[in-house]
Amino acid sequence: MAGSTFSVLGSDVAIKGNISAKADLHIDGRVDGDIACTSLVQGETSEIVGGVTAETARLAGRVRGSITAGQLVILKSAHIEGDVFYDALTIEQGATVEGKFAHRDPEPKLAIAGGTDAG
């Protein structure tokens, strides 16, 4: 894993504002703002009030906001209040989600009759 970075926000850290990172994040504290990162791991005691966008996310705490992730794992201790958009989804029994789930479809291609693609 040469060159990869990993940032940790401890349980004693509270941030007000958006977080944008090319790094993998592990959050145990509180974030009031949107989070955009490559990979997110959320601890059980963590709270996020805002949207989450990540390639992969493993959520164990509370999230109040929409979640968009390629690969999403919602653990049994998680409490999600918001809509969830995903490519691949795993939910442990006991997790709480109050919102809608929607599978992200790849951008549709317009096909012309006869089998050729338009555009």
PDB file of N, CA and C in Angstrom:
ATOM      1  N   MET A   1       0.825  -1.183   0.000  1.00  0.00           N
ATOM      2  CA  MET A   1       0.000   0.000   0.000  1.00  0.00           C
ATOM      3  C   MET A   1       0.875   1.254   0.000  1.00  0.00           C
ATOM      4  N   ALA A   2       1.934   1.213  -0.733  1.00  0.00           N
ATOM      5  CA  ALA A   2       2.816   2.374  -0.811  1.00  0.00           C
ATOM      6  C   ALA A   2       2.075   3.544  -1.431  1.00  0.00           C
ATOM      7  N   GLY A   3       2.225   4.695  -0.807  1.00  0.00           N
ATOM      8  CA  GLY A   3       1.620   5.901  -1.353  1.00  0.00           C
ATOM      9  C   GLY A   3       0.208   6.168  -0.883  1.00  0.00           C
ATOM     10  N   SER A   4      -0.453   5.202  -0.241  1.00  0.00           N
ATOM     11  CA  SER A   4      -1.814   5.444   0.222  1.00  0.00           C
ATOM     12  C   SER A   4      -1.768   6.172   1.556  1.00  0.00           C
ATOM     13  N   THR A   5      -2.800   6.968   1.817  1.00  0.00           N
ATOM     14  CA  THR A   5      -2.858   7.704   3.073  1.00  0.00           C
ATOM     15  C   THR A   5      -4.136   7.333   3.807  1.00  0.00           C
ATOM     16  N   PHE A   6      -4.092   7.469   5.124  1.00  0.00           N
ATOM     17  CA  PHE A   6      -5.220   7.113   5.976  1.00  0.00           C
ATOM     18  C   PHE A   6      -5.311   8.163   7.062  1.00  0.00           C
ATOM     19  N   SER A   7      -6.460   8.801   7.207  1.00  0.00           N
ATOM     20  CA  SER A   7      -6.638   9.827   8.223  1.00  0.00           C
ATOM     21  C   SER A   7      -7.678   9.377   9.233  1.00  0.00           C
ATOM     22  N   VAL A   8      -7.432   9.682  10.509  1.00  0.00           N
ATOM     23  CA  VAL A   8      -8.328   9.286  11.589  1.00  0.00           C
ATOM     24  C   VAL A   8      -8.809  10.534  12.323  1.00  0.00           C
ATOM     25  N   LEU A   9     -10.129  10.622  12.515  1.00  0.00           N
ATOM     26  CA  LEU A   9     -10.715  11.650  13.371  1.00  0.00           C
ATOM     27  C   LEU A   9     -11.193  10.933  14.622  1.00  0.00           C
ATOM     28  N   GLY A  10     -10.542  11.175  15.734  1.00  0.00           N
ATOM     29  CA  GLY A  10     -10.843  10.478  16.974  1.00  0.00           C
ATOM     30  C   GLY A  10     -12.179  10.856  17.567  1.00  0.00           C
ATOM     31  N   SER A  11     -12.591  10.110  18.575  1.00  0.00           N
ATOM     32  CA  SER A  11     -13.900  10.313  19.193  1.00  0.00           C
ATOM     33  C   SER A  11     -14.008  11.659  19.894  1.00  0.00           C
ATOM     34  N   ASP A  12     -12.874  12.294  20.196  1.00  0.00           N
ATOM     35  CA  ASP A  12     -12.890  13.600  20.858  1.00  0.00           C
ATOM     36  C   ASP A  12     -12.879  14.764  19.864  1.00  0.00           C
ATOM     37  N   VAL A  13     -12.979  14.468  18.556  1.00  0.00           N
ATOM     38  CA  VAL A  13     -12.910  15.499  17.519  1.00  0.00           C
ATOM     39  C   VAL A  13     -14.304  15.791  16.980  1.00  0.00           C
ATOM     40  N   ALA A  14     -14.646  17.091  16.899  1.00  0.00           N
ATOM     41  CA  ALA A  14     -15.902  17.528  16.282  1.00  0.00           C
ATOM     42  C   ALA A  14     -15.543  18.563  15.217  1.00  0.00           C
ATOM     43  N   ILE A  15     -16.037  18.358  14.008  1.00  0.00           N
ATOM     44  CA  ILE A  15     -15.738  19.254  12.897  1.00  0.00           C
ATOM     45  C   ILE A  15     -17.031  19.835  12.360  1.00  0.00           C
ATOM     46  N   LYS A  16     -17.045  21.152  12.147  1.00  0.00           N
ATOM     47  CA  LYS A  16     -18.155  21.817  11.473  1.00  0.00           C
ATOM     48  C   LYS A  16     -17.617  22.306  10.143  1.00  0.00           C
ATOM     49  N   GLY A  17     -18.103  21.714   9.060  1.00  0.00           N
ATOM     50  CA  GLY A  17     -17.621  22.057   7.729  1.00  0.00           C
ATOM     51  C   GLY A  17     -17.488  20.798   6.892  1.00  0.00           C
ATOM     52  N   ASN A  18     -17.338  20.987   5.610  1.00  0.00           N
ATOM     53  CA  ASN A  18     -17.231  19.858   4.687  1.00  0.00           C
ATOM     54  C   ASN A  18     -15.819  19.288   4.694  1.00  0.00           C
ATOM     55  N   ILE A  19     -15.728  17.991   4.440  1.00  0.00           N
ATOM     56  CA  ILE A  19     -14.438  17.309   4.350  1.00  0.00           C
ATOM     57  C   ILE A  19     -14.325  16.721   2.948  1.00  0.00           C
ATOM     58  N   SER A  20     -13.254  17.052   2.270  1.00  0.00           N
ATOM     59  CA  SER A  20     -12.961  16.483   0.960  1.00  0.00           C
ATOM     60  C   SER A  20     -11.563  15.910   1.032  1.00  0.00           C
ATOM     61  N   ALA A  21     -11.428  14.614   0.787  1.00  0.00           N
ATOM     62  CA  ALA A  21     -10.131  13.975   0.942  1.00  0.00           C
ATOM     63  C   ALA A  21      -9.908  12.929  -0.136  1.00  0.00           C
ATOM     64  N   LYS A  22      -8.685  12.850  -0.605  1.00  0.00           N
ATOM     65  CA  LYS A  22      -8.305  11.777  -1.517  1.00  0.00           C
ATOM     66  C   LYS A  22      -7.817  10.583  -0.707  1.00  0.00           C
ATOM     67  N   ALA A  23      -7.806  10.755   0.588  1.00  0.00           N
ATOM     68  CA  ALA A  23      -7.348   9.713   1.507  1.00  0.00           C
ATOM     69  C   ALA A  23      -8.518   8.850   1.972  1.00  0.00           C
ATOM     70  N   ASP A  24      -8.171   7.737   2.602  1.00  0.00           N
ATOM     71  CA  ASP A  24      -9.154   6.917   3.300  1.00  0.00           C
ATOM     72  C   ASP A  24      -9.365   7.556   4.661  1.00  0.00           C
ATOM     73  N   LEU A  25     -10.626   7.622   5.104  1.00  0.00           N
ATOM     74  CA  LEU A  25     -10.936   8.260   6.382  1.00  0.00           C
ATOM     75  C   LEU A  25     -11.520   7.249   7.360  1.00  0.00           C
ATOM     76  N   HIS A  26     -11.123   7.387   8.620  1.00  0.00           N
ATOM     77  CA  HIS A  26     -11.758   6.645   9.714  1.00  0.00           C
ATOM     78  C   HIS A  26     -12.268   7.707  10.680  1.00  0.00           C
ATOM     79  N   ILE A  27     -13.579   7.720  10.881  1.00  0.00           N
ATOM     80  CA  ILE A  27     -14.187   8.763  11.710  1.00  0.00           C
ATOM     81  C   ILE A  27     -14.843   8.136  12.938  1.00  0.00           C
ATOM     82  N   ASP A  28     -14.384   8.572  14.110  1.00  0.00           N
ATOM     83  CA  ASP A  28     -15.006   8.165  15.366  1.00  0.00           C
ATOM     84  C   ASP A  28     -15.688   9.342  16.039  1.00  0.00           C
ATOM     85  N   GLY A  29     -15.413  10.561  15.586  1.00  0.00           N
ATOM     86  CA  GLY A  29     -15.977  11.765  16.188  1.00  0.00           C
ATOM     87  C   GLY A  29     -17.249  12.213  15.485  1.00  0.00           C
ATOM     88  N   ARG A  30     -17.511  13.527  15.549  1.00  0.00           N
ATOM     89  CA  ARG A  30     -18.720  14.106  14.966  1.00  0.00           C
ATOM     90  C   ARG A  30     -18.334  15.045  13.833  1.00  0.00           C
ATOM     91  N   VAL A  31     -19.064  14.946  12.721  1.00  0.00           N
ATOM     92  CA  VAL A  31     -18.866  15.833  11.581  1.00  0.00           C
ATOM     93  C   VAL A  31     -20.210  16.449  11.222  1.00  0.00           C
ATOM     94  N   ASP A  32     -20.272  17.789  11.247  1.00  0.00           N
ATOM     95  CA  ASP A  32     -21.435  18.526  10.764  1.00  0.00           C
ATOM     96  C   ASP A  32     -21.042  19.111   9.416  1.00  0.00           C
ATOM     97  N   GLY A  33     -21.302  18.366   8.351  1.00  0.00           N
ATOM     98  CA  GLY A  33     -20.927  18.788   7.009  1.00  0.00           C
ATOM     99  C   GLY A  33     -20.853  17.578   6.101  1.00  0.00           C
ATOM    100  N   ASP A  34     -20.678  17.836   4.825  1.00  0.00           N
ATOM    101  CA  ASP A  34     -20.598  16.760   3.841  1.00  0.00           C
ATOM    102  C   ASP A  34     -19.197  16.162   3.827  1.00  0.00           C
ATOM    103  N   ILE A  35     -19.139  14.864   3.506  1.00  0.00           N
ATOM    104  CA  ILE A  35     -17.863  14.159   3.429  1.00  0.00           C
ATOM    105  C   ILE A  35     -17.743  13.535   2.047  1.00  0.00           C
ATOM    106  N   ALA A  36     -16.620  13.786   1.381  1.00  0.00           N
ATOM    107  CA  ALA A  36     -16.305  13.154   0.105  1.00  0.00           C
ATOM    108  C   ALA A  36     -14.901  12.576   0.222  1.00  0.00           C
ATOM    109  N   CYS A  37     -14.789  11.257   0.030  1.00  0.00           N
ATOM    110  CA  CYS A  37     -13.482  10.618   0.163  1.00  0.00           C
ATOM    111  C   CYS A  37     -13.468   9.320  -0.639  1.00  0.00           C
ATOM    112  N   THR A  38     -12.304   8.701  -0.692  1.00  0.00           N
ATOM    113  CA  THR A  38     -12.159   7.439  -1.407  1.00  0.00           C
ATOM    114  C   THR A  38     -12.830   6.306  -0.629  1.00  0.00           C
ATOM    115  N   SER A  39     -12.457   6.188   0.633  1.00  0.00           N
ATOM    116  CA  SER A  39     -12.981   5.112   1.474  1.00  0.00           C
ATOM    117  C   SER A  39     -13.276   5.672   2.863  1.00  0.00           C
ATOM    118  N   LEU A  40     -14.442   5.336   3.395  1.00  0.00           N
ATOM    119  CA  LEU A  40     -14.849   5.825   4.711  1.00  0.00           C
ATOM    120  C   LEU A  40     -15.159   4.654   5.622  1.00  0.00           C
ATOM    121  N   VAL A  41     -14.576   4.694   6.815  1.00  0.00           N
ATOM    122  CA  VAL A  41     -14.917   3.751   7.882  1.00  0.00           C
ATOM    123  C   VAL A  41     -15.439   4.601   9.029  1.00  0.00           C
ATOM    124  N   GLN A  42     -16.667   4.333   9.465  1.00  0.00           N
ATOM    125  CA  GLN A  42     -17.287   5.096  10.539  1.00  0.00           C
ATOM    126  C   GLN A  42     -17.411   4.207  11.771  1.00  0.00           C
ATOM    127  N   GLY A  43     -16.925   4.711  12.899  1.00  0.00           N
ATOM    128  CA  GLY A  43     -17.019   3.983  14.158  1.00  0.00           C
ATOM    129  C   GLY A  43     -18.414   4.049  14.748  1.00  0.00           C
ATOM    130  N   GLU A  44     -18.695   3.164  15.696  1.00  0.00           N
ATOM    131  CA  GLU A  44     -20.017   3.062  16.314  1.00  0.00           C
ATOM    132  C   GLU A  44     -20.446   4.324  17.043  1.00  0.00           C
ATOM    133  N   THR A  45     -19.519   5.063  17.611  1.00  0.00           N
ATOM    134  CA  THR A  45     -19.873   6.249  18.394  1.00  0.00           C
ATOM    135  C   THR A  45     -19.902   7.513  17.545  1.00  0.00           C
ATOM    136  N   SER A  46     -19.616   7.396  16.282  1.00  0.00           N
ATOM    137  CA  SER A  46     -19.522   8.542  15.387  1.00  0.00           C
ATOM    138  C   SER A  46     -20.889   9.036  14.933  1.00  0.00           C
ATOM    139  N   GLU A  47     -20.964  10.357  14.663  1.00  0.00           N
ATOM    140  CA  GLU A  47     -22.183  10.936  14.092  1.00  0.00           C
ATOM    141  C   GLU A  47     -21.799  11.863  12.953  1.00  0.00           C
ATOM    142  N   ILE A  48     -22.459  11.686  11.816  1.00  0.00           N
ATOM    143  CA  ILE A  48     -22.252  12.527  10.640  1.00  0.00           C
ATOM    144  C   ILE A  48     -23.588  13.173  10.309  1.00  0.00           C
ATOM    145  N   VAL A  49     -23.600  14.500  10.266  1.00  0.00           N
ATOM    146  CA  VAL A  49     -24.793  15.241   9.881  1.00  0.00           C
ATOM    147  C   VAL A  49     -24.454  15.929   8.566  1.00  0.00           C
ATOM    148  N   GLY A  50     -24.803  15.275   7.468  1.00  0.00           N
ATOM    149  CA  GLY A  50     -24.464  15.764   6.143  1.00  0.00           C
ATOM    150  C   GLY A  50     -24.379  14.588   5.186  1.00  0.00           C
ATOM    151  N   GLY A  51     -24.145  14.897   3.940  1.00  0.00           N
ATOM    152  CA  GLY A  51     -24.068  13.856   2.919  1.00  0.00           C
ATOM    153  C   GLY A  51     -22.721  13.161   2.925  1.00  0.00           C
ATOM    154  N   VAL A  52     -22.728  11.895   2.508  1.00  0.00           N
ATOM    155  CA  VAL A  52     -21.509  11.098   2.397  1.00  0.00           C
ATOM    156  C   VAL A  52     -21.387  10.614   0.960  1.00  0.00           C
ATOM    157  N   THR A  53     -20.223  10.855   0.350  1.00  0.00           N
ATOM    158  CA  THR A  53     -19.926  10.341  -0.981  1.00  0.00           C
ATOM    159  C   THR A  53     -18.572   9.649  -0.910  1.00  0.00           C
ATOM    160  N   ALA A  54     -18.545   8.344  -1.262  1.00  0.00           N
ATOM    161  CA  ALA A  54     -17.305   7.575  -1.189  1.00  0.00           C
ATOM    162  C   ALA A  54     -17.361   6.414  -2.168  1.00  0.00           C
ATOM    163  N   GLU A  55     -16.186   5.955  -2.585  1.00  0.00           N
ATOM    164  CA  GLU A  55     -16.141   4.765  -3.425  1.00  0.00           C
ATOM    165  C   GLU A  55     -16.538   3.543  -2.598  1.00  0.00           C
ATOM    166  N   THR A  56     -16.014   3.476  -1.366  1.00  0.00           N
ATOM    167  CA  THR A  56     -16.417   2.417  -0.439  1.00  0.00           C
ATOM    168  C   THR A  56     -16.712   3.058   0.913  1.00  0.00           C
ATOM    169  N   ALA A  57     -17.725   2.539   1.603  1.00  0.00           N
ATOM    170  CA  ALA A  57     -18.071   3.051   2.924  1.00  0.00           C
ATOM    171  C   ALA A  57     -18.514   1.897   3.810  1.00  0.00           C
ATOM    172  N   ARG A  58     -18.056   1.942   5.054  1.00  0.00           N
ATOM    173  CA  ARG A  58     -18.434   0.960   6.077  1.00  0.00           C
ATOM    174  C   ARG A  58     -18.940   1.776   7.255  1.00  0.00           C
ATOM    175  N   LEU A  59     -20.264   1.758   7.458  1.00  0.00           N
ATOM    176  CA  LEU A  59     -20.895   2.648   8.429  1.00  0.00           C
ATOM    177  C   LEU A  59     -21.372   1.871   9.651  1.00  0.00           C
ATOM    178  N   ALA A  60     -21.001   2.384  10.845  1.00  0.00           N
ATOM    179  CA  ALA A  60     -21.400   1.730  12.085  1.00  0.00           C
ATOM    180  C   ALA A  60     -22.078   2.684  13.051  1.00  0.00           C
ATOM    181  N   GLY A  61     -22.026   3.980  12.779  1.00  0.00           N
ATOM    182  CA  GLY A  61     -22.597   4.982  13.680  1.00  0.00           C
ATOM    183  C   GLY A  61     -23.874   5.580  13.125  1.00  0.00           C
ATOM    184  N   ARG A  62     -24.092   6.876  13.430  1.00  0.00           N
ATOM    185  CA  ARG A  62     -25.305   7.575  12.990  1.00  0.00           C
ATOM    186  C   ARG A  62     -24.956   8.495  11.827  1.00  0.00           C
ATOM    187  N   VAL A  63     -25.793   8.459  10.782  1.00  0.00           N
ATOM    188  CA  VAL A  63     -25.654   9.370   9.647  1.00  0.00           C
ATOM    189  C   VAL A  63     -27.007  10.010   9.404  1.00  0.00           C
ATOM    190  N   ARG A  64     -27.027  11.348   9.386  1.00  0.00           N
ATOM    191  CA  ARG A  64     -28.237  12.092   9.023  1.00  0.00           C
ATOM    192  C   ARG A  64     -27.939  12.840   7.740  1.00  0.00           C
ATOM    193  N   GLY A  65     -28.251  12.211   6.613  1.00  0.00           N
ATOM    194  CA  GLY A  65     -27.979  12.789   5.301  1.00  0.00           C
ATOM    195  C   GLY A  65     -27.912  11.684   4.275  1.00  0.00           C
ATOM    196  N   SER A  66     -27.853  12.056   3.019  1.00  0.00           N
ATOM    197  CA  SER A  66     -27.820  11.056   1.950  1.00  0.00           C
ATOM    198  C   SER A  66     -26.438  10.413   1.859  1.00  0.00           C
ATOM    199  N   ILE A  67     -26.427   9.179   1.364  1.00  0.00           N
ATOM    200  CA  ILE A  67     -25.195   8.417   1.213  1.00  0.00           C
ATOM    201  C   ILE A  67     -25.116   7.942  -0.224  1.00  0.00           C
ATOM    202  N   THR A  68     -23.970   8.179  -0.861  1.00  0.00           N
ATOM    203  CA  THR A  68     -23.726   7.687  -2.205  1.00  0.00           C
ATOM    204  C   THR A  68     -22.398   6.942  -2.177  1.00  0.00           C
ATOM    205  N   ALA A  69     -22.435   5.646  -2.503  1.00  0.00           N
ATOM    206  CA  ALA A  69     -21.215   4.840  -2.440  1.00  0.00           C
ATOM    207  C   ALA A  69     -21.260   3.729  -3.481  1.00  0.00           C
ATOM    208  N   GLY A  70     -20.091   3.386  -3.987  1.00  0.00           N
ATOM    209  CA  GLY A  70     -19.988   2.251  -4.892  1.00  0.00           C
ATOM    210  C   GLY A  70     -20.244   0.961  -4.128  1.00  0.00           C
ATOM    211  N   GLN A  71     -19.434   0.703  -3.110  1.00  0.00           N
ATOM    212  CA  GLN A  71     -19.613  -0.461  -2.249  1.00  0.00           C
ATOM    213  C   GLN A  71     -19.931   0.049  -0.853  1.00  0.00           C
ATOM    214  N   LEU A  72     -21.109  -0.330  -0.361  1.00  0.00           N
ATOM    215  CA  LEU A  72     -21.583   0.170   0.929  1.00  0.00           C
ATOM    216  C   LEU A  72     -21.891  -0.980   1.859  1.00  0.00           C
ATOM    217  N   VAL A  73     -21.347  -0.899   3.078  1.00  0.00           N
ATOM    218  CA  VAL A  73     -21.645  -1.867   4.134  1.00  0.00           C
ATOM    219  C   VAL A  73     -22.244  -1.089   5.294  1.00  0.00           C
ATOM    220  N   ILE A  74     -23.458  -1.479   5.703  1.00  0.00           N
ATOM    221  CA  ILE A  74     -24.127  -0.855   6.842  1.00  0.00           C
ATOM    222  C   ILE A  74     -24.160  -1.894   7.953  1.00  0.00           C
ATOM    223  N   LEU A  75     -23.418  -1.626   9.026  1.00  0.00           N
ATOM    224  CA  LEU A  75     -23.311  -2.575  10.130  1.00  0.00           C
ATOM    225  C   LEU A  75     -24.514  -2.486  11.056  1.00  0.00           C
ATOM    226  N   LYS A  76     -24.690  -3.495  11.902  1.00  0.00           N
ATOM    227  CA  LYS A  76     -25.893  -3.593  12.746  1.00  0.00           C
ATOM    228  C   LYS A  76     -26.038  -2.438  13.723  1.00  0.00           C
ATOM    229  N   SER A  77     -24.941  -1.777  14.085  1.00  0.00           N
ATOM    230  CA  SER A  77     -25.009  -0.665  15.024  1.00  0.00           C
ATOM    231  C   SER A  77     -25.352   0.665  14.337  1.00  0.00           C
ATOM    232  N   ALA A  78     -25.446   0.668  13.015  1.00  0.00           N
ATOM    233  CA  ALA A  78     -25.676   1.907  12.265  1.00  0.00           C
ATOM    234  C   ALA A  78     -27.126   2.369  12.348  1.00  0.00           C
ATOM    235  N   HIS A  79     -27.292   3.697  12.314  1.00  0.00           N
ATOM    236  CA  HIS A  79     -28.620   4.315  12.238  1.00  0.00           C
ATOM    237  C   HIS A  79     -28.531   5.393  11.160  1.00  0.00           C
ATOM    238  N   ILE A  80     -29.190   5.148  10.045  1.00  0.00           N
ATOM    239  CA  ILE A  80     -29.124   6.034   8.886  1.00  0.00           C
ATOM    240  C   ILE A  80     -30.466   6.742   8.729  1.00  0.00           C
ATOM    241  N   GLU A  81     -30.411   8.069   8.597  1.00  0.00           N
ATOM    242  CA  GLU A  81     -31.603   8.874   8.315  1.00  0.00           C
ATOM    243  C   GLU A  81     -31.335   9.634   7.026  1.00  0.00           C
ATOM    244  N   GLY A  82     -31.716   9.030   5.907  1.00  0.00           N
ATOM    245  CA  GLY A  82     -31.482   9.667   4.614  1.00  0.00           C
ATOM    246  C   GLY A  82     -31.508   8.634   3.508  1.00  0.00           C
ATOM    247  N   ASP A  83     -31.520   9.113   2.282  1.00  0.00           N
ATOM    248  CA  ASP A  83     -31.570   8.224   1.134  1.00  0.00           C
ATOM    249  C   ASP A  83     -30.196   7.631   0.852  1.00  0.00           C
ATOM    250  N   VAL A  84     -30.212   6.400   0.316  1.00  0.00           N
ATOM    251  CA  VAL A  84     -28.985   5.647   0.088  1.00  0.00           C
ATOM    252  C   VAL A  84     -28.895   5.276  -1.386  1.00  0.00           C
ATOM    253  N   PHE A  85     -27.789   5.656  -2.020  1.00  0.00           N
ATOM    254  CA  PHE A  85     -27.537   5.336  -3.424  1.00  0.00           C
ATOM    255  C   PHE A  85     -26.266   4.488  -3.478  1.00  0.00           C
ATOM    256  N   TYR A  86     -26.311   3.345  -4.155  1.00  0.00           N
ATOM    257  CA  TYR A  86     -25.222   2.375  -4.076  1.00  0.00           C
ATOM    258  C   TYR A  86     -25.086   1.591  -5.372  1.00  0.00           C
ATOM    259  N   ASP A  87     -23.898   0.968  -5.547  1.00  0.00           N
ATOM    260  CA  ASP A  87     -23.679  -0.014  -6.607  1.00  0.00           C
ATOM    261  C   ASP A  87     -23.798  -1.422  -6.018  1.00  0.00           C
ATOM    262  N   ALA A  88     -23.149  -1.644  -4.865  1.00  0.00           N
ATOM    263  CA  ALA A  88     -23.217  -2.924  -4.150  1.00  0.00           C
ATOM    264  C   ALA A  88     -23.522  -2.614  -2.691  1.00  0.00           C
ATOM    265  N   LEU A  89     -24.430  -3.394  -2.088  1.00  0.00           N
ATOM    266  CA  LEU A  89     -24.924  -3.080  -0.749  1.00  0.00           C
ATOM    267  C   LEU A  89     -24.960  -4.310   0.137  1.00  0.00           C
ATOM    268  N   THR A  90     -24.468  -4.147   1.382  1.00  0.00           N
ATOM    269  CA  THR A  90     -24.574  -5.172   2.411  1.00  0.00           C
ATOM    270  C   THR A  90     -25.124  -4.493   3.662  1.00  0.00           C
ATOM    271  N   ILE A  91     -26.182  -5.084   4.244  1.00  0.00           N
ATOM    272  CA  ILE A  91     -26.762  -4.541   5.478  1.00  0.00           C
ATOM    273  C   ILE A  91     -26.837  -5.669   6.496  1.00  0.00           C
ATOM    274  N   GLU A  92     -26.228  -5.439   7.662  1.00  0.00           N
ATOM    275  CA  GLU A  92     -26.316  -6.428   8.728  1.00  0.00           C
ATOM    276  C   GLU A  92     -27.687  -6.356   9.390  1.00  0.00           C
ATOM    277  N   GLN A  93     -28.168  -7.511   9.852  1.00  0.00           N
ATOM    278  CA  GLN A  93     -29.431  -7.558  10.568  1.00  0.00           C
ATOM    279  C   GLN A  93     -29.318  -6.714  11.827  1.00  0.00           C
ATOM    280  N   GLY A  94     -30.296  -5.830  12.036  1.00  0.00           N
ATOM    281  CA  GLY A  94     -30.307  -4.956  13.196  1.00  0.00           C
ATOM    282  C   GLY A  94     -30.011  -3.500  12.856  1.00  0.00           C
ATOM    283  N   ALA A  95     -29.475  -3.239  11.677  1.00  0.00           N
ATOM    284  CA  ALA A  95     -29.216  -1.856  11.260  1.00  0.00           C
ATOM    285  C   ALA A  95     -30.542  -1.135  11.044  1.00  0.00           C
ATOM    286  N   THR A  96     -30.552   0.176  11.266  1.00  0.00           N
ATOM    287  CA  THR A  96     -31.759   0.980  11.087  1.00  0.00           C
ATOM    288  C   THR A  96     -31.524   1.970   9.959  1.00  0.00           C
ATOM    289  N   VAL A  97     -32.425   1.958   8.966  1.00  0.00           N
ATOM    290  CA  VAL A  97     -32.334   2.917   7.870  1.00  0.00           C
ATOM    291  C   VAL A  97     -33.707   3.522   7.658  1.00  0.00           C
ATOM    292  N   GLU A  98     -33.786   4.850   7.757  1.00  0.00           N
ATOM    293  CA  GLU A  98     -35.016   5.579   7.497  1.00  0.00           C
ATOM    294  C   GLU A  98     -34.779   6.425   6.253  1.00  0.00           C
ATOM    295  N   GLY A  99     -35.149   5.885   5.114  1.00  0.00           N
ATOM    296  CA  GLY A  99     -34.926   6.558   3.840  1.00  0.00           C
ATOM    297  C   GLY A  99     -35.138   5.576   2.712  1.00  0.00           C
ATOM    298  N   LYS A 100     -34.878   6.032   1.509  1.00  0.00           N
ATOM    299  CA  LYS A 100     -35.054   5.200   0.330  1.00  0.00           C
ATOM    300  C   LYS A 100     -33.719   4.645  -0.131  1.00  0.00           C
ATOM    301  N   PHE A 101     -33.778   3.451  -0.712  1.00  0.00           N
ATOM    302  CA  PHE A 101     -32.611   2.844  -1.335  1.00  0.00           C
ATOM    303  C   PHE A 101     -32.778   2.938  -2.839  1.00  0.00           C
ATOM    304  N   ALA A 102     -31.697   3.257  -3.542  1.00  0.00           N
ATOM    305  CA  ALA A 102     -31.736   3.282  -4.998  1.00  0.00           C
ATOM    306  C   ALA A 102     -30.401   2.782  -5.527  1.00  0.00           C
ATOM    307  N   HIS A 103     -30.483   1.780  -6.388  1.00  0.00           N
ATOM    308  CA  HIS A 103     -29.285   1.268  -7.039  1.00  0.00           C
ATOM    309  C   HIS A 103     -28.852   2.266  -8.095  1.00  0.00           C
ATOM    310  N   ARG A 104     -27.561   2.606  -8.106  1.00  0.00           N
ATOM    311  CA  ARG A 104     -27.052   3.537  -9.116  1.00  0.00           C
ATOM    312  C   ARG A 104     -26.851   2.777 -10.412  1.00  0.00           C
ATOM    313  N   ASP A 105     -27.525   3.219 -11.452  1.00  0.00           N
ATOM    314  CA  ASP A 105     -27.370   2.597 -12.761  1.00  0.00           C
ATOM    315  C   ASP A 105     -26.276   3.320 -13.524  1.00  0.00           C
ATOM    316  N   PRO A 106     -25.520   2.568 -14.335  1.00  0.00           N
ATOM    317  CA  PRO A 106     -24.569   3.262 -15.189  1.00  0.00           C
ATOM    318  C   PRO A 106     -25.332   4.165 -16.152  1.00  0.00           C
ATOM    319  N   GLU A 107     -24.646   5.188 -16.660  1.00  0.00           N
ATOM    320  CA  GLU A 107     -25.317   6.106 -17.562  1.00  0.00           C
ATOM    321  C   GLU A 107     -25.911   5.337 -18.736  1.00  0.00           C
ATOM    322  N   PRO A 108     -27.220   5.533 -18.990  1.00  0.00           N
ATOM    323  CA  PRO A 108     -27.833   4.787 -20.084  1.00  0.00           C
ATOM    324  C   PRO A 108     -27.333   5.287 -21.430  1.00  0.00           C
ATOM    325  N   LYS A 109     -27.203   4.343 -22.363  1.00  0.00           N
ATOM    326  CA  LYS A 109     -26.817   4.684 -23.730  1.00  0.00           C
ATOM    327  C   LYS A 109     -28.071   4.683 -24.573  1.00  0.00           C
ATOM    328  N   LEU A 110     -28.124   5.603 -25.474  1.00  0.00           N
ATOM    329  CA  LEU A 110     -29.237   5.657 -26.405  1.00  0.00           C
ATOM    330  C   LEU A 110     -28.925   4.759 -27.591  1.00  0.00           C
ATOM    331  N   ALA A 111     -29.755   3.766 -27.829  1.00  0.00           N
ATOM    332  CA  ALA A 111     -29.550   2.846 -28.936  1.00  0.00           C
ATOM    333  C   ALA A 111     -30.573   3.120 -30.024  1.00  0.00           C
ATOM    334  N   ILE A 112     -30.100   3.141 -31.243  1.00  0.00           N
ATOM    335  CA  ILE A 112     -30.991   3.336 -32.393  1.00  0.00           C
ATOM    336  C   ILE A 112     -31.349   1.959 -32.931  1.00  0.00           C
ATOM    337  N   ALA A 113     -32.595   1.812 -33.357  1.00  0.00           N
ATOM    338  CA  ALA A 113     -33.045   0.543 -33.912  1.00  0.00           C
ATOM    339  C   ALA A 113     -32.073   0.103 -34.988  1.00  0.00           C
ATOM    340  N   GLY A 114     -31.718  -1.163 -34.979  1.00  0.00           N
ATOM    341  CA  GLY A 114     -30.749  -1.684 -35.935  1.00  0.00           C
ATOM    342  C   GLY A 114     -29.413  -1.983 -35.266  1.00  0.00           C
ATOM    343  N   GLY A 115     -29.321  -1.671 -33.961  1.00  0.00           N
ATOM    344  CA  GLY A 115     -28.142  -2.090 -33.202  1.00  0.00           C
ATOM    345  C   GLY A 115     -26.990  -1.100 -33.175  1.00  0.00           C
ATOM    346  N   THR A 116     -27.141   0.109 -33.669  1.00  0.00           N
ATOM    347  CA  THR A 116     -26.040   1.069 -33.585  1.00  0.00           C
ATOM    348  C   THR A 116     -26.288   2.031 -32.420  1.00  0.00           C
ATOM    349  N   ASP A 117     -25.212   2.506 -31.862  1.00  0.00           N
ATOM    350  CA  ASP A 117     -25.325   3.456 -30.758  1.00  0.00           C
ATOM    351  C   ASP A 117     -25.382   4.882 -31.272  1.00  0.00           C
ATOM    352  N   ALA A 118     -26.167   5.696 -30.616  1.00  0.00           N
ATOM    353  CA  ALA A 118     -26.215   7.112 -30.981  1.00  0.00           C
ATOM    354  C   ALA A 118     -25.277   7.875 -30.075  1.00  0.00           C
ATOM    355  N   GLY A 119     -24.678   8.918 -30.581  1.00  0.00           N
ATOM    356  CA  GLY A 119     -23.849   9.820 -29.764  1.00  0.00           C
ATOM    357  C   GLY A 119     -22.552   9.252 -29.483  1.00  0.00           C
TER     358      GLY A 119
END
